[in-house]
C-alpha atoms as a PDB file:
ATOM      1  CA  UNK A   1     -24.943  18.676 -11.337  1.00  0.00           C
ATOM      2  CA  UNK A   2     -25.149  15.578  -9.179  1.00  0.00           C
ATOM      3  CA  UNK A   3     -23.127  12.483  -9.917  1.00  0.00           C
ATOM      4  CA  UNK A   4     -26.289  10.483 -10.451  1.00  0.00           C
ATOM      5  CA  UNK A   5     -26.948  12.257 -13.722  1.00  0.00           C
ATOM      6  CA  UNK A   6     -23.775  10.931 -15.298  1.00  0.00           C
ATOM      7  CA  UNK A   7     -23.288  14.228 -17.190  1.00  0.00           C
ATOM      8  CA  UNK A   8     -20.767  15.910 -14.892  1.00  0.00           C
ATOM      9  CA  UNK A   9     -17.256  15.990 -16.323  1.00  0.00           C
ATOM     10  CA  UNK A  10     -14.068  17.142 -14.649  1.00  0.00           C
ATOM     11  CA  UNK A  11     -12.042  19.948 -16.221  1.00  0.00           C
ATOM     12  CA  UNK A  12      -9.433  22.524 -15.132  1.00  0.00           C
ATOM     13  CA  UNK A  13     -12.368  24.647 -13.954  1.00  0.00           C
ATOM     14  CA  UNK A  14     -13.468  22.106 -11.350  1.00  0.00           C
ATOM     15  CA  UNK A  15     -11.785  22.113  -7.942  1.00  0.00           C
ATOM     16  CA  UNK A  16     -11.379  19.440  -5.281  1.00  0.00           C
ATOM     17  CA  UNK A  17     -13.351  20.422  -2.189  1.00  0.00           C
ATOM     18  CA  UNK A  18     -11.218  18.769   0.563  1.00  0.00           C
ATOM     19  CA  UNK A  19      -7.553  19.696   1.156  1.00  0.00           C
ATOM     20  CA  UNK A  20      -5.398  18.465  -1.745  1.00  0.00           C
ATOM     21  CA  UNK A  21      -3.544  15.887   0.373  1.00  0.00           C
ATOM     22  CA  UNK A  22      -6.818  14.042   0.919  1.00  0.00           C
ATOM     23  CA  UNK A  23      -6.468  12.846  -2.689  1.00  0.00           C
ATOM     24  CA  UNK A  24      -3.786  10.462  -1.350  1.00  0.00           C
ATOM     25  CA  UNK A  25      -6.290   8.941   1.146  1.00  0.00           C
ATOM     26  CA  UNK A  26      -3.753   8.388   3.923  1.00  0.00           C
ATOM     27  CA  UNK A  27      -6.258   6.413   6.014  1.00  0.00           C
ATOM     28  CA  UNK A  28      -5.916   3.594   3.475  1.00  0.00           C
ATOM     29  CA  UNK A  29      -2.113   3.380   3.655  1.00  0.00           C
ATOM     30  CA  UNK A  30      -2.234   0.317   5.903  1.00  0.00           C
ATOM     31  CA  UNK A  31      -3.352  -1.542   2.780  1.00  0.00           C
ATOM     32  CA  UNK A  32       0.258  -1.728   1.551  1.00  0.00           C
ATOM     33  CA  UNK A  33       2.342  -0.795   4.602  1.00  0.00           C
ATOM     34  CA  UNK A  34       1.075  -3.645   6.775  1.00  0.00           C
ATOM     35  CA  UNK A  35       1.657  -6.437   4.203  1.00  0.00           C
ATOM     36  CA  UNK A  36       5.148  -5.118   3.339  1.00  0.00           C
ATOM     37  CA  UNK A  37       6.138  -4.973   7.019  1.00  0.00           C
ATOM     38  CA  UNK A  38       4.529  -8.372   7.549  1.00  0.00           C
ATOM     39  CA  UNK A  39       6.569  -9.951   4.724  1.00  0.00           C
ATOM     40  CA  UNK A  40       9.759  -8.403   6.055  1.00  0.00           C
ATOM     41  CA  UNK A  41       8.906  -9.765   9.493  1.00  0.00           C
ATOM     42  CA  UNK A  42       8.510 -13.281   8.072  1.00  0.00           C
ATOM     43  CA  UNK A  43      11.975 -13.033   6.488  1.00  0.00           C
ATOM     44  CA  UNK A  44      13.414 -11.803   9.794  1.00  0.00           C
ATOM     45  CA  UNK A  45      11.886 -14.755  11.690  1.00  0.00           C
ATOM     46  CA  UNK A  46      13.369 -17.144   9.134  1.00  0.00           C
ATOM     47  CA  UNK A  47      16.881 -15.910   9.838  1.00  0.00           C
ATOM     48  CA  UNK A  48      17.417 -13.148   7.274  1.00  0.00           C
ATOM     49  CA  UNK A  49      18.834  -9.990   8.847  1.00  0.00           C
ATOM     50  CA  UNK A  50      16.688  -7.136   7.519  1.00  0.00           C
ATOM     51  CA  UNK A  51      18.167  -4.436   5.323  1.00  0.00           C
ATOM     52  CA  UNK A  52      16.623  -1.346   6.914  1.00  0.00           C
ATOM     53  CA  UNK A  53      17.542   0.909   3.997  1.00  0.00           C
ATOM     54  CA  UNK A  54      15.973  -1.449   1.433  1.00  0.00           C
ATOM     55  CA  UNK A  55      12.895  -1.906   3.608  1.00  0.00           C
ATOM     56  CA  UNK A  56      12.436   1.856   3.979  1.00  0.00           C
ATOM     57  CA  UNK A  57      12.834   2.268   0.221  1.00  0.00           C
ATOM     58  CA  UNK A  58      10.172  -0.403  -0.317  1.00  0.00           C
ATOM     59  CA  UNK A  59       7.776   1.294   2.110  1.00  0.00           C
ATOM     60  CA  UNK A  60       8.228   4.623   0.304  1.00  0.00           C
ATOM     61  CA  UNK A  61       7.662   2.909  -3.050  1.00  0.00           C
ATOM     62  CA  UNK A  62       4.515   1.201  -1.733  1.00  0.00           C
ATOM     63  CA  UNK A  63       3.143   4.487  -0.429  1.00  0.00           C
ATOM     64  CA  UNK A  64       3.856   6.222  -3.723  1.00  0.00           C
ATOM     65  CA  UNK A  65       2.188   3.459  -5.760  1.00  0.00           C
ATOM     66  CA  UNK A  66      -0.883   3.463  -3.524  1.00  0.00           C
ATOM     67  CA  UNK A  67      -1.035   7.272  -3.455  1.00  0.00           C
ATOM     68  CA  UNK A  68      -0.807   7.419  -7.247  1.00  0.00           C
ATOM     69  CA  UNK A  69      -3.616   4.878  -7.571  1.00  0.00           C
ATOM     70  CA  UNK A  70      -5.790   6.813  -5.123  1.00  0.00           C
ATOM     71  CA  UNK A  71      -5.289  10.120  -6.952  1.00  0.00           C
ATOM     72  CA  UNK A  72      -5.959   8.510 -10.343  1.00  0.00           C
ATOM     73  CA  UNK A  73      -9.148   7.037  -8.883  1.00  0.00           C
ATOM     74  CA  UNK A  74     -10.542  10.455  -7.977  1.00  0.00           C
ATOM     75  CA  UNK A  75      -9.275  12.155 -11.144  1.00  0.00           C
ATOM     76  CA  UNK A  76     -10.720   9.526 -13.479  1.00  0.00           C
ATOM     77  CA  UNK A  77     -13.939   8.781 -11.571  1.00  0.00           C
ATOM     78  CA  UNK A  78     -15.175  12.349 -11.808  1.00  0.00           C
ATOM     79  CA  UNK A  79     -14.800  12.319 -15.595  1.00  0.00           C
ATOM     80  CA  UNK A  80     -17.319   9.448 -15.615  1.00  0.00           C
ATOM     81  CA  UNK A  81     -19.849  11.361 -13.565  1.00  0.00           C
ATOM     82  CA  UNK A  82     -18.936   9.835 -10.206  1.00  0.00           C
ATOM     83  CA  UNK A  83     -18.243  11.606  -6.907  1.00  0.00           C
ATOM     84  CA  UNK A  84     -19.156  15.046  -8.220  1.00  0.00           C
ATOM     85  CA  UNK A  85     -19.937  16.107  -4.636  1.00  0.00           C
ATOM     86  CA  UNK A  86     -16.179  16.162  -3.989  1.00  0.00           C
ATOM     87  CA  UNK A  87     -15.650  18.842  -6.631  1.00  0.00           C
ATOM     88  CA  UNK A  88     -16.726  22.462  -6.897  1.00  0.00           C
ATOM     89  CA  UNK A  89     -16.838  25.270  -9.444  1.00  0.00           C
ATOM     90  CA  UNK A  90     -15.360  27.600  -6.797  1.00  0.00           C
ATOM     91  CA  UNK A  91     -11.567  27.918  -6.707  1.00  0.00           C
ATOM     92  CA  UNK A  92     -11.602  29.106  -3.071  1.00  0.00           C
ATOM     93  CA  UNK A  93     -13.280  27.575  -0.043  1.00  0.00           C
ATOM     94  CA  UNK A  94     -15.133  29.488   2.695  1.00  0.00           C
ATOM     95  CA  UNK A  95     -11.894  30.118   4.616  1.00  0.00           C
ATOM     96  CA  UNK A  96     -10.133  31.582   1.585  1.00  0.00           C
ATOM     97  CA  UNK A  97      -7.973  28.503   0.965  1.00  0.00           C
ATOM     98  CA  UNK A  98      -7.291  27.847  -2.704  1.00  0.00           C
ATOM     99  CA  UNK A  99      -8.438  24.438  -3.905  1.00  0.00           C
ATOM    100  CA  UNK A 100      -6.533  22.153  -6.250  1.00  0.00           C
ATOM    101  CA  UNK A 101      -8.046  22.044  -9.728  1.00  0.00           C
ATOM    102  CA  UNK A 102      -8.907  18.886 -11.657  1.00  0.00           C
ATOM    103  CA  UNK A 103      -6.068  19.667 -14.060  1.00  0.00           C
ATOM    104  CA  UNK A 104      -3.609  20.077 -11.187  1.00  0.00           C
ATOM    105  CA  UNK A 105      -4.854  16.845  -9.605  1.00  0.00           C
ATOM    106  CA  UNK A 106      -4.215  15.089 -12.917  1.00  0.00           C
ATOM    107  CA  UNK A 107      -0.637  16.369 -12.887  1.00  0.00           C
ATOM    108  CA  UNK A 108      -0.267  15.322  -9.245  1.00  0.00           C
ATOM    109  CA  UNK A 109      -1.305  11.778 -10.190  1.00  0.00           C
ATOM    110  CA  UNK A 110       1.241  11.709 -13.028  1.00  0.00           C
ATOM    111  CA  UNK A 111       4.017  13.106 -10.818  1.00  0.00           C
ATOM    112  CA  UNK A 112       3.302  10.600  -8.056  1.00  0.00           C
ATOM    113  CA  UNK A 113       3.333   7.780 -10.611  1.00  0.00           C
ATOM    114  CA  UNK A 114       6.690   8.988 -11.909  1.00  0.00           C
ATOM    115  CA  UNK A 115       8.111   9.136  -8.392  1.00  0.00           C
ATOM    116  CA  UNK A 116       6.830   5.595  -7.735  1.00  0.00           C
ATOM    117  CA  UNK A 117       8.556   4.330 -10.896  1.00  0.00           C
ATOM    118  CA  UNK A 118      11.870   5.977  -9.951  1.00  0.00           C
ATOM    119  CA  UNK A 119      11.659   4.594  -6.434  1.00  0.00           C
ATOM    120  CA  UNK A 120      10.856   1.135  -7.809  1.00  0.00           C
ATOM    121  CA  UNK A 121      13.830   1.246 -10.176  1.00  0.00           C
ATOM    122  CA  UNK A 122      16.117   2.240  -7.310  1.00  0.00           C
ATOM    123  CA  UNK A 123      14.794  -0.688  -5.301  1.00  0.00           C
ATOM    124  CA  UNK A 124      15.340  -3.046  -8.251  1.00  0.00           C
ATOM    125  CA  UNK A 125      18.973  -1.909  -8.515  1.00  0.00           C
ATOM    126  CA  UNK A 126      19.494  -2.729  -4.854  1.00  0.00           C
ATOM    127  CA  UNK A 127      17.364  -5.848  -4.396  1.00  0.00           C
ATOM    128  CA  UNK A 128      17.348  -7.364  -7.889  1.00  0.00           C
ATOM    129  CA  UNK A 129      15.398  -7.290 -11.135  1.00  0.00           C
ATOM    130  CA  UNK A 130      12.752  -9.642  -9.696  1.00  0.00           C
ATOM    131  CA  UNK A 131      11.164  -6.511  -8.156  1.00  0.00           C
ATOM    132  CA  UNK A 132      10.227  -5.105 -11.580  1.00  0.00           C
ATOM    133  CA  UNK A 133       7.282  -7.379 -12.513  1.00  0.00           C
ATOM    134  CA  UNK A 134       5.678  -6.826  -9.110  1.00  0.00           C
ATOM    135  CA  UNK A 135       5.999  -3.055  -9.443  1.00  0.00           C
ATOM    136  CA  UNK A 136       4.652  -3.044 -12.984  1.00  0.00           C
ATOM    137  CA  UNK A 137       1.714  -5.219 -11.957  1.00  0.00           C
ATOM    138  CA  UNK A 138       0.895  -2.901  -9.053  1.00  0.00           C
ATOM    139  CA  UNK A 139       0.996   0.296 -11.106  1.00  0.00           C
ATOM    140  CA  UNK A 140      -0.865  -1.215 -14.052  1.00  0.00           C
ATOM    141  CA  UNK A 141      -3.624  -2.716 -11.926  1.00  0.00           C
ATOM    142  CA  UNK A 142      -3.897   0.516  -9.940  1.00  0.00           C
ATOM    143  CA  UNK A 143      -4.425   2.552 -13.095  1.00  0.00           C
ATOM    144  CA  UNK A 144      -6.778   0.042 -14.717  1.00  0.00           C
ATOM    145  CA  UNK A 145      -8.845   0.003 -11.518  1.00  0.00           C
ATOM    146  CA  UNK A 146     -10.280   3.382 -12.561  1.00  0.00           C
ATOM    147  CA  UNK A 147      -8.803   3.986 -16.024  1.00  0.00           C
ATOM    148  CA  UNK A 148      -9.130   2.523 -19.484  1.00  0.00           C
ATOM    149  CA  UNK A 149     -12.295   1.858 -21.503  1.00  0.00           C
ATOM    150  CA  UNK A 150     -13.504  -0.765 -18.986  1.00  0.00           C
ATOM    151  CA  UNK A 151     -12.163   0.004 -15.497  1.00  0.00           C
ATOM    152  CA  UNK A 152     -11.769  -3.023 -13.228  1.00  0.00           C
ATOM    153  CA  UNK A 153     -13.848  -1.256 -10.591  1.00  0.00           C
ATOM    154  CA  UNK A 154     -16.797  -1.109 -12.998  1.00  0.00           C
ATOM    155  CA  UNK A 155     -16.746  -4.857 -13.652  1.00  0.00           C
ATOM    156  CA  UNK A 156     -17.118  -6.087 -10.059  1.00  0.00           C
ATOM    157  CA  UNK A 157     -13.381  -6.802  -9.875  1.00  0.00           C
ATOM    158  CA  UNK A 158     -12.413  -4.213  -7.258  1.00  0.00           C
ATOM    159  CA  UNK A 159     -12.318  -6.548  -4.270  1.00  0.00           C
ATOM    160  CA  UNK A 160     -10.510  -9.298  -6.189  1.00  0.00           C
ATOM    161  CA  UNK A 161      -7.886  -6.874  -7.542  1.00  0.00           C
ATOM    162  CA  UNK A 162      -7.188  -5.448  -4.086  1.00  0.00           C
ATOM    163  CA  UNK A 163      -7.157  -8.956  -2.551  1.00  0.00           C
ATOM    164  CA  UNK A 164      -4.115  -9.932  -4.628  1.00  0.00           C
ATOM    165  CA  UNK A 165      -2.378  -6.609  -5.309  1.00  0.00           C
ATOM    166  CA  UNK A 166      -2.610  -5.208  -1.762  1.00  0.00           C
ATOM    167  CA  UNK A 167      -2.116  -8.473   0.137  1.00  0.00           C
ATOM    168  CA  UNK A 168       0.280 -11.068  -1.287  1.00  0.00           C
ATOM    169  CA  UNK A 169       2.230  -8.718  -3.600  1.00  0.00           C
ATOM    170  CA  UNK A 170       3.549  -6.244  -0.980  1.00  0.00           C
ATOM    171  CA  UNK A 171       4.072  -9.155   1.438  1.00  0.00           C
ATOM    172  CA  UNK A 172       6.273 -10.967  -1.094  1.00  0.00           C
ATOM    173  CA  UNK A 173       8.131  -7.724  -1.802  1.00  0.00           C
ATOM    174  CA  UNK A 174       8.694  -7.177   1.920  1.00  0.00           C
ATOM    175  CA  UNK A 175       9.996 -10.713   2.258  1.00  0.00           C
ATOM    176  CA  UNK A 176      12.216 -10.448  -0.792  1.00  0.00           C
ATOM    177  CA  UNK A 177      13.983  -7.194  -0.011  1.00  0.00           C
ATOM    178  CA  UNK A 178      15.038  -8.626   3.354  1.00  0.00           C
ATOM    179  CA  UNK A 179      16.587 -11.786   1.908  1.00  0.00           C
ATOM    180  CA  UNK A 180      19.298  -9.888   0.049  1.00  0.00           C
ATOM    181  CA  UNK A 181      19.958  -9.073  -3.611  1.00  0.00           C
ATOM    182  CA  UNK A 182      19.922 -11.817  -6.184  1.00  0.00           C
ATOM    183  CA  UNK A 183      18.187 -13.141  -9.256  1.00  0.00           C
ATOM    184  CA  UNK A 184      14.949 -13.728  -7.356  1.00  0.00           C
ATOM    185  CA  UNK A 185      15.096 -17.521  -7.541  1.00  0.00           C
ATOM    186  CA  UNK A 186      14.664 -17.877  -3.800  1.00  0.00           C
ATOM    187  CA  UNK A 187      11.870 -15.303  -3.881  1.00  0.00           C
ATOM    188  CA  UNK A 188       9.854 -17.225  -6.452  1.00  0.00           C
ATOM    189  CA  UNK A 189      10.356 -20.408  -4.401  1.00  0.00           C
ATOM    190  CA  UNK A 190       9.088 -18.685  -1.262  1.00  0.00           C
ATOM    191  CA  UNK A 191       6.247 -16.885  -3.023  1.00  0.00           C
ATOM    192  CA  UNK A 192       3.509 -19.516  -2.359  1.00  0.00           C
ATOM    193  CA  UNK A 193       4.179 -19.766   1.372  1.00  0.00           C
ATOM    194  CA  UNK A 194       4.423 -15.985   1.852  1.00  0.00           C
ATOM    195  CA  UNK A 195       1.297 -15.382  -0.240  1.00  0.00           C
ATOM    196  CA  UNK A 196      -0.696 -17.930   1.786  1.00  0.00           C
ATOM    197  CA  UNK A 197       0.539 -16.461   5.067  1.00  0.00           C
ATOM    198  CA  UNK A 198      -0.676 -13.008   3.941  1.00  0.00           C
ATOM    199  CA  UNK A 199      -4.275 -14.155   3.364  1.00  0.00           C
ATOM    200  CA  UNK A 200      -5.638 -12.453   6.523  1.00  0.00           C
ATOM    201  CA  UNK A 201      -4.307  -9.122   5.224  1.00  0.00           C
ATOM    202  CA  UNK A 202      -5.756  -9.820   1.776  1.00  0.00           C
ATOM    203  CA  UNK A 203      -9.217 -10.348   3.288  1.00  0.00           C
ATOM    204  CA  UNK A 204      -8.714  -7.148   5.288  1.00  0.00           C
ATOM    205  CA  UNK A 205      -8.117  -4.975   2.235  1.00  0.00           C
ATOM    206  CA  UNK A 206     -10.990  -6.698   0.435  1.00  0.00           C
ATOM    207  CA  UNK A 207     -13.253  -5.652   3.318  1.00  0.00           C
ATOM    208  CA  UNK A 208     -12.190  -2.021   2.788  1.00  0.00           C
ATOM    209  CA  UNK A 209     -13.012  -2.108  -0.918  1.00  0.00           C
ATOM    210  CA  UNK A 210     -16.328  -3.846  -0.171  1.00  0.00           C
ATOM    211  CA  UNK A 211     -17.181  -1.149   2.401  1.00  0.00           C
ATOM    212  CA  UNK A 212     -16.370   1.593  -0.104  1.00  0.00           C
ATOM    213  CA  UNK A 213     -18.545  -0.035  -2.760  1.00  0.00           C
ATOM    214  CA  UNK A 214     -21.317  -0.679  -0.223  1.00  0.00           C
ATOM    215  CA  UNK A 215     -21.354   3.002   0.725  1.00  0.00           C
ATOM    216  CA  UNK A 216     -21.458   4.136  -2.922  1.00  0.00           C
ATOM    217  CA  UNK A 217     -23.966   1.578  -4.228  1.00  0.00           C
ATOM    218  CA  UNK A 218     -26.597   4.072  -5.307  1.00  0.00           C
ATOM    219  CA  UNK A 219     -24.346   6.777  -6.778  1.00  0.00           C
ATOM    220  CA  UNK A 220     -22.195   4.233  -8.630  1.00  0.00           C
ATOM    221  CA  UNK A 221     -25.108   2.702 -10.542  1.00  0.00           C
ATOM    222  CA  UNK A 222     -24.786   5.397 -13.209  1.00  0.00           C
ATOM    223  CA  UNK A 223     -21.750   3.740 -14.836  1.00  0.00           C
ATOM    224  CA  UNK A 224     -20.414   0.981 -12.629  1.00  0.00           C
ATOM    225  CA  UNK A 225     -21.350  -2.477 -11.421  1.00  0.00           C
ATOM    226  CA  UNK A 226     -19.896  -3.659  -8.116  1.00  0.00           C
ATOM    227  CA  UNK A 227     -20.432  -6.842  -6.140  1.00  0.00           C
ATOM    228  CA  UNK A 228     -22.520  -5.190  -3.374  1.00  0.00           C
ATOM    229  CA  UNK A 229     -24.989  -4.034  -6.051  1.00  0.00           C
ATOM    230  CA  UNK A 230     -25.914  -7.665  -6.649  1.00  0.00           C
ATOM    231  CA  UNK A 231     -27.187  -7.930  -3.070  1.00  0.00           C
ATOM    232  CA  UNK A 232     -29.848  -6.137  -1.096  1.00  0.00           C
ATOM    233  CA  UNK A 233     -29.015  -3.805   1.805  1.00  0.00           C
ATOM    234  CA  UNK A 234     -29.007  -6.643   4.349  1.00  0.00           C
ATOM    235  CA  UNK A 235     -27.113  -8.990   2.060  1.00  0.00           C
ATOM    236  CA  UNK A 236     -24.342  -6.439   1.590  1.00  0.00           C
ATOM    237  CA  UNK A 237     -23.823  -6.179   5.338  1.00  0.00           C
ATOM    238  CA  UNK A 238     -23.916  -9.956   5.801  1.00  0.00           C
ATOM    239  CA  UNK A 239     -21.343 -10.343   3.038  1.00  0.00           C
ATOM    240  CA  UNK A 240     -19.101  -7.763   4.722  1.00  0.00           C
ATOM    241  CA  UNK A 241     -19.412  -9.743   7.937  1.00  0.00           C
ATOM    242  CA  UNK A 242     -18.425 -12.873   6.013  1.00  0.00           C
ATOM    243  CA  UNK A 243     -15.285 -11.221   4.624  1.00  0.00           C
ATOM    244  CA  UNK A 244     -14.279 -10.015   8.087  1.00  0.00           C
ATOM    245  CA  UNK A 245     -14.982 -13.471   9.541  1.00  0.00           C
ATOM    246  CA  UNK A 246     -12.776 -15.022   6.826  1.00  0.00           C
ATOM    247  CA  UNK A 247      -9.998 -12.628   7.857  1.00  0.00           C
ATOM    248  CA  UNK A 248      -9.995 -13.916  11.436  1.00  0.00           C
ATOM    249  CA  UNK A 249     -10.621 -17.550  10.489  1.00  0.00           C
ATOM    250  CA  UNK A 250      -7.608 -17.372   8.162  1.00  0.00           C
ATOM    251  CA  UNK A 251      -5.536 -15.868  10.973  1.00  0.00           C
ATOM    252  CA  UNK A 252      -6.444 -18.614  13.438  1.00  0.00           C
ATOM    253  CA  UNK A 253      -6.207 -21.383  10.831  1.00  0.00           C
ATOM    254  CA  UNK A 254      -2.762 -20.315   9.615  1.00  0.00           C
ATOM    255  CA  UNK A 255      -1.558 -20.054  13.197  1.00  0.00           C
ATOM    256  CA  UNK A 256      -2.888 -23.531  13.978  1.00  0.00           C
ATOM    257  CA  UNK A 257      -1.165 -24.843  10.841  1.00  0.00           C
ATOM    258  CA  UNK A 258       2.081 -23.154  11.981  1.00  0.00           C
ATOM    259  CA  UNK A 259       2.199 -20.955   8.904  1.00  0.00           C
ATOM    260  CA  UNK A 260       2.110 -18.008  11.319  1.00  0.00           C
ATOM    261  CA  UNK A 261       3.697 -17.699  14.780  1.00  0.00           C
ATOM    262  CA  UNK A 262       1.442 -17.820  17.826  1.00  0.00           C
ATOM    263  CA  UNK A 263       2.283 -14.144  18.384  1.00  0.00           C
ATOM    264  CA  UNK A 264       0.180 -13.351  15.306  1.00  0.00           C
ATOM    265  CA  UNK A 265      -2.979 -13.998  17.336  1.00  0.00           C
ATOM    266  CA  UNK A 266      -2.433 -10.545  18.848  1.00  0.00           C
ATOM    267  CA  UNK A 267      -4.354  -9.270  15.811  1.00  0.00           C
ATOM    268  CA  UNK A 268      -7.608 -10.593  17.320  1.00  0.00           C
ATOM    269  CA  UNK A 269      -7.484  -7.463  19.506  1.00  0.00           C
ATOM    270  CA  UNK A 270      -8.919  -5.667  16.466  1.00  0.00           C
ATOM    271  CA  UNK A 271     -12.200  -7.624  16.674  1.00  0.00           C
ATOM    272  CA  UNK A 272     -14.077  -4.806  18.500  1.00  0.00           C
ATOM    273  CA  UNK A 273     -13.266  -2.509  15.570  1.00  0.00           C
ATOM    274  CA  UNK A 274     -14.545  -5.162  13.138  1.00  0.00           C
ATOM    275  CA  UNK A 275     -17.826  -5.343  15.060  1.00  0.00           C
ATOM    276  CA  UNK A 276     -18.039  -1.555  15.042  1.00  0.00           C
ATOM    277  CA  UNK A 277     -17.569  -1.570  11.264  1.00  0.00           C
ATOM    278  CA  UNK A 278     -20.416  -4.053  10.805  1.00  0.00           C
ATOM    279  CA  UNK A 279     -22.717  -1.962  13.016  1.00  0.00           C
ATOM    280  CA  UNK A 280     -21.812   1.184  11.057  1.00  0.00           C
ATOM    281  CA  UNK A 281     -22.463  -0.563   7.727  1.00  0.00           C
ATOM    282  CA  UNK A 282     -25.812  -1.877   9.005  1.00  0.00           C
ATOM    283  CA  UNK A 283     -26.976   1.587  10.063  1.00  0.00           C
ATOM    284  CA  UNK A 284     -28.366   3.537   7.067  1.00  0.00           C
ATOM    285  CA  UNK A 285     -26.840   6.958   6.695  1.00  0.00           C
ATOM    286  CA  UNK A 286     -23.851   6.334   8.975  1.00  0.00           C
ATOM    287  CA  UNK A 287     -21.328   9.023   8.022  1.00  0.00           C
ATOM    288  CA  UNK A 288     -17.754   8.113   7.186  1.00  0.00           C
ATOM    289  CA  UNK A 289     -18.301   4.353   7.305  1.00  0.00           C
ATOM    290  CA  UNK A 290     -15.007   4.035   5.420  1.00  0.00           C
ATOM    291  CA  UNK A 291     -13.228   5.437   8.454  1.00  0.00           C
ATOM    292  CA  UNK A 292     -14.400   2.420  10.444  1.00  0.00           C
ATOM    293  CA  UNK A 293     -13.008   0.113   7.748  1.00  0.00           C
ATOM    294  CA  UNK A 294      -9.702   1.994   7.594  1.00  0.00           C
ATOM    295  CA  UNK A 295      -9.161   2.055  11.355  1.00  0.00           C
ATOM    296  CA  UNK A 296      -9.960  -1.660  11.577  1.00  0.00           C
ATOM    297  CA  UNK A 297      -7.439  -2.482   8.866  1.00  0.00           C
ATOM    298  CA  UNK A 298      -4.807  -0.258  10.469  1.00  0.00           C
ATOM    299  CA  UNK A 299      -5.288  -2.005  13.820  1.00  0.00           C
ATOM    300  CA  UNK A 300      -5.425  -5.555  12.431  1.00  0.00           C
ATOM    301  CA  UNK A 301      -2.604  -5.075   9.914  1.00  0.00           C
ATOM    302  CA  UNK A 302      -0.159  -3.341  12.216  1.00  0.00           C
ATOM    303  CA  UNK A 303      -0.856  -5.693  15.138  1.00  0.00           C
ATOM    304  CA  UNK A 304      -0.143  -8.639  12.834  1.00  0.00           C
ATOM    305  CA  UNK A 305       3.009  -7.076  11.361  1.00  0.00           C
ATOM    306  CA  UNK A 306       4.389  -6.102  14.776  1.00  0.00           C
ATOM    307  CA  UNK A 307       3.583  -9.532  16.217  1.00  0.00           C
ATOM    308  CA  UNK A 308       5.420 -11.296  13.370  1.00  0.00           C
ATOM    309  CA  UNK A 309       8.451  -9.063  13.909  1.00  0.00           C
END
């Protein structure tokens, strides 16, 4: 049954069509990796020698949190009648490869969440208890994005949630773990400046969520309201262009205000990918438009993080 009917429900007898690792959505990993590396780079430029072991632990924790959120999104969405095309009644694909069942995917989400919690606790022991509220906020928001009686994604809060939780939060964490262990007092004092400096990355992840919602406008109407639904086809593309423009305006403005080093302007090299994303979004039926959004964010985010370092 198609997802538009709203009657399809996941169960152990439904199987994920793509390879199981696609549940993690690795193309979206720049959403947390780039801000964390960016925050660590800011600390390094301000004279704090980076703790490589703590930074690596943070990056692993960020990947686990984001992976858990991505798996929960697919597991919970299908129970609401969304994205049924990604699931099949057949346990084997055409090549004879066994697919992961909905029940197994549910357990994978729980296991990844558990691993993220353990990794976060290890990081808190090394860097300080100030890490805990950020980790809790990330996991809770990630689950509530698709879970609970009123998922955040169904109330037009997807872009706003990602803007804060996948921009400033990992940037502050990256900054904090490189300033050494402590009670977090210096972290809270630096939080406003680091959060403001991460705004270009926040707009970048918001553009990815907007692109995803733009692509799924019609199929999501069954049980979800997203911001692109409030606009017509042309308005959705114009709004995406506005978010991308804000990303680059923030980059240039923060550099001019000396909140970012001049090196950060290297991220403008990603502009051709931003233009390609807008063209893909403006062309009805363009396949894999999310790939354009992901590659743009990878390019912009990593160029910015490397430049700051």
